[in-house]
C-alpha atoms as a PDB file:
ATOM      1  CA  MET A   1       0.000   0.000   0.000  1.00  0.00           C
ATOM      2  CA  GLU A   2       1.374   3.410  -0.958  1.00  0.00           C
ATOM      3  CA  LYS A   3       1.799   6.141   1.577  1.00  0.00           C
ATOM      4  CA  LEU A   4       0.090   9.395   0.943  1.00  0.00           C
ATOM      5  CA  SER A   5       2.402  12.214   1.880  1.00  0.00           C
ATOM      6  CA  THR A   6       1.240  15.775   2.109  1.00  0.00           C
ATOM      7  CA  ASN A   7       3.528  18.666   2.790  1.00  0.00           C
ATOM      8  CA  LEU A   8       1.276  21.256   4.333  1.00  0.00           C
ATOM      9  CA  GLN A   9       2.795  24.594   5.124  1.00  0.00           C
ATOM     10  CA  VAL A  10       1.283  27.414   7.071  1.00  0.00           C
ATOM     11  CA  LEU A  11       1.430  30.676   5.179  1.00  0.00           C
ATOM     12  CA  SER A  12       2.431  33.544   7.418  1.00  0.00           C
ATOM     13  CA  ARG A  13       1.207  37.050   6.765  1.00  0.00           C
ATOM     14  CA  GLN A  14       4.718  38.179   5.835  1.00  0.00           C
ATOM     15  CA  ARG A  15       5.100  35.386   3.270  1.00  0.00           C
ATOM     16  CA  ALA A  16       1.650  36.230   1.917  1.00  0.00           C
ATOM     17  CA  VAL A  17       2.718  39.864   1.525  1.00  0.00           C
ATOM     18  CA  SER A  18       5.853  38.682  -0.302  1.00  0.00           C
ATOM     19  CA  HIS A  19       3.826  36.475  -2.634  1.00  0.00           C
ATOM     20  CA  ALA A  20       1.441  39.361  -3.249  1.00  0.00           C
ATOM     21  CA  ALA A  21       4.366  41.701  -3.920  1.00  0.00           C
ATOM     22  CA  TYR A  22       5.728  39.404  -6.611  1.00  0.00           C
ATOM     23  CA  GLN A  23       2.243  39.203  -8.155  1.00  0.00           C
ATOM     24  CA  ILE A  24       2.002  42.996  -8.172  1.00  0.00           C
ATOM     25  CA  ALA A  25       5.515  43.375  -9.607  1.00  0.00           C
ATOM     26  CA  ASP A  26       4.655  40.941 -12.402  1.00  0.00           C
ATOM     27  CA  ALA A  27       1.378  42.762 -13.048  1.00  0.00           C
ATOM     28  CA  ARG A  28       3.233  46.089 -13.263  1.00  0.00           C
ATOM     29  CA  GLU A  29       5.644  44.674 -15.826  1.00  0.00           C
ATOM     30  CA  ARG A  30       2.796  43.170 -17.843  1.00  0.00           C
ATOM     31  CA  LEU A  31       0.939  46.479 -17.732  1.00  0.00           C
ATOM     32  CA  ALA A  32       4.008  48.313 -19.015  1.00  0.00           C
ATOM     33  CA  GLN A  33       4.289  45.795 -21.838  1.00  0.00           C
ATOM     34  CA  LEU A  34       0.556  46.067 -22.519  1.00  0.00           C
ATOM     35  CA  TYR A  35       0.807  49.847 -22.658  1.00  0.00           C
ATOM     36  CA  SER A  36       3.699  49.747 -25.120  1.00  0.00           C
ATOM     37  CA  TRP A  37       1.815  47.264 -27.298  1.00  0.00           C
ATOM     38  CA  ALA A  38      -1.293  49.440 -27.267  1.00  0.00           C
ATOM     39  CA  ILE A  39       0.701  52.567 -28.159  1.00  0.00           C
ATOM     40  CA  SER A  40       2.682  50.902 -30.933  1.00  0.00           C
ATOM     41  CA  GLY A  41      -0.304  49.046 -32.357  1.00  0.00           C
ATOM     42  CA  GLY A  42       1.986  46.146 -33.168  1.00  0.00           C
ATOM     43  CA  GLN A  43      -0.035  43.413 -31.473  1.00  0.00           C
ATOM     44  CA  ASP A  44      -3.382  41.944 -32.323  1.00  0.00           C
ATOM     45  CA  TYR A  45      -6.325  42.430 -29.985  1.00  0.00           C
ATOM     46  CA  VAL A  46      -6.284  38.821 -28.803  1.00  0.00           C
ATOM     47  CA  SER A  47      -2.752  39.189 -27.422  1.00  0.00           C
ATOM     48  CA  LEU A  48      -3.757  42.409 -25.682  1.00  0.00           C
ATOM     49  CA  LEU A  49      -6.815  40.772 -24.127  1.00  0.00           C
ATOM     50  CA  ILE A  50      -4.810  37.770 -22.919  1.00  0.00           C
ATOM     51  CA  ALA A  51      -2.216  40.030 -21.316  1.00  0.00           C
ATOM     52  CA  ALA A  52      -4.963  42.119 -19.682  1.00  0.00           C
ATOM     53  CA  ARG A  53      -6.606  38.955 -18.358  1.00  0.00           C
ATOM     54  CA  ASP A  54      -3.278  37.879 -16.830  1.00  0.00           C
ATOM     55  CA  VAL A  55      -3.011  41.219 -15.026  1.00  0.00           C
ATOM     56  CA  VAL A  56      -6.537  40.908 -13.644  1.00  0.00           C
ATOM     57  CA  GLU A  57      -5.869  37.340 -12.472  1.00  0.00           C
ATOM     58  CA  SER A  58      -2.700  38.457 -10.675  1.00  0.00           C
ATOM     59  CA  LEU A  59      -4.572  41.215  -8.878  1.00  0.00           C
ATOM     60  CA  GLN A  60      -7.361  38.798  -7.947  1.00  0.00           C
ATOM     61  CA  ARG A  61      -4.748  36.505  -6.347  1.00  0.00           C
ATOM     62  CA  VAL A  62      -3.425  39.463  -4.372  1.00  0.00           C
ATOM     63  CA  PHE A  63      -6.941  40.313  -3.215  1.00  0.00           C
ATOM     64  CA  ALA A  64      -7.506  36.690  -2.180  1.00  0.00           C
ATOM     65  CA  LEU A  65      -4.347  36.769  -0.055  1.00  0.00           C
ATOM     66  CA  ALA A  66      -5.357  40.106   1.457  1.00  0.00           C
ATOM     67  CA  SER A  67      -8.828  38.766   2.255  1.00  0.00           C
ATOM     68  CA  ALA A  68      -7.378  35.703   3.938  1.00  0.00           C
ATOM     69  CA  PHE A  69      -5.420  37.862   6.375  1.00  0.00           C
ATOM     70  CA  ALA A  70      -8.055  40.522   7.008  1.00  0.00           C
ATOM     71  CA  TYR A  71     -10.232  40.420  10.083  1.00  0.00           C
ATOM     72  CA  VAL A  72     -13.931  40.343   9.323  1.00  0.00           C
ATOM     73  CA  SER A  73     -15.032  43.365  11.285  1.00  0.00           C
ATOM     74  CA  ASP A  74     -15.544  47.069  10.866  1.00  0.00           C
ATOM     75  CA  ASP A  75     -11.866  47.407   9.917  1.00  0.00           C
ATOM     76  CA  TYR A  76     -12.022  44.855   7.079  1.00  0.00           C
ATOM     77  CA  THR A  77     -11.441  47.455   4.363  1.00  0.00           C
ATOM     78  CA  GLU A  78      -8.609  49.037   6.329  1.00  0.00           C
ATOM     79  CA  ASP A  79      -6.963  45.607   6.749  1.00  0.00           C
ATOM     80  CA  ILE A  80      -7.233  44.969   3.007  1.00  0.00           C
ATOM     81  CA  ASN A  81      -5.798  48.406   2.228  1.00  0.00           C
ATOM     82  CA  ALA A  82      -2.919  47.906   4.677  1.00  0.00           C
ATOM     83  CA  PHE A  83      -2.073  44.545   3.112  1.00  0.00           C
ATOM     84  CA  PHE A  84      -2.151  46.057  -0.375  1.00  0.00           C
ATOM     85  CA  GLU A  85       0.035  48.960   0.743  1.00  0.00           C
ATOM     86  CA  GLU A  86       2.659  46.632   2.243  1.00  0.00           C
ATOM     87  CA  ALA A  87       2.652  44.500  -0.889  1.00  0.00           C
ATOM     88  CA  ARG A  88       2.825  47.561  -3.143  1.00  0.00           C
ATOM     89  CA  LEU A  89       5.860  48.937  -1.312  1.00  0.00           C
ATOM     90  CA  GLU A  90       7.637  45.589  -1.478  1.00  0.00           C
ATOM     91  CA  ALA A  91       6.700  45.275  -5.160  1.00  0.00           C
ATOM     92  CA  GLY A  92       8.386  48.623  -5.800  1.00  0.00           C
ATOM     93  CA  GLN A  93      11.579  47.247  -4.286  1.00  0.00           C
ATOM     94  CA  ILE A  94      11.294  44.095  -6.403  1.00  0.00           C
ATOM     95  CA  VAL A  95      10.828  46.118  -9.594  1.00  0.00           C
ATOM     96  CA  ALA A  96      13.785  48.357  -8.701  1.00  0.00           C
ATOM     97  CA  TRP A  97      15.935  45.290  -8.031  1.00  0.00           C
ATOM     98  CA  ARG A  98      14.924  43.677 -11.334  1.00  0.00           C
ATOM     99  CA  GLU A  99      15.691  46.869 -13.255  1.00  0.00           C
ATOM    100  CA  SER A 100      19.070  47.175 -11.555  1.00  0.00           C
ATOM    101  CA  GLN A 101      19.852  43.566 -12.481  1.00  0.00           C
ATOM    102  CA  LYS A 102      19.122  44.393 -16.107  1.00  0.00           C
ATOM    103  CA  LYS A 103      21.477  47.366 -15.917  1.00  0.00           C
ATOM    104  CA  GLY A 104      24.065  45.587 -13.792  1.00  0.00           C
ATOM    105  CA  GLU A 105      23.750  48.023 -10.886  1.00  0.00           C
ATOM    106  CA  GLU A 106      23.366  47.553  -7.147  1.00  0.00           C
ATOM    107  CA  VAL A 107      20.239  48.611  -5.231  1.00  0.00           C
ATOM    108  CA  ALA A 108      20.480  49.726  -1.606  1.00  0.00           C
END
């Protein structure tokens, strides 16, 4: 008989913020690419719609993580906003780091 092994991990709020930050950083890069495609007119509409759908899905994942760590009370919206703000700030650092890696620079 085979053993069923499950590796369950508890997701801490800080790890959730980090995951959300990477989702936001990826969404920002996709949005920049989407904007350049829309301005240049070089892509077909299907490619633009697929890229836009990917951005929306990333942001929905971030909202799901934020909802999981928000207390259901009068401060629910404030908890969601605080989570998004933390993730947004960390995403800015991730984007800056990625851009510096492309240029070969060091980020403080």
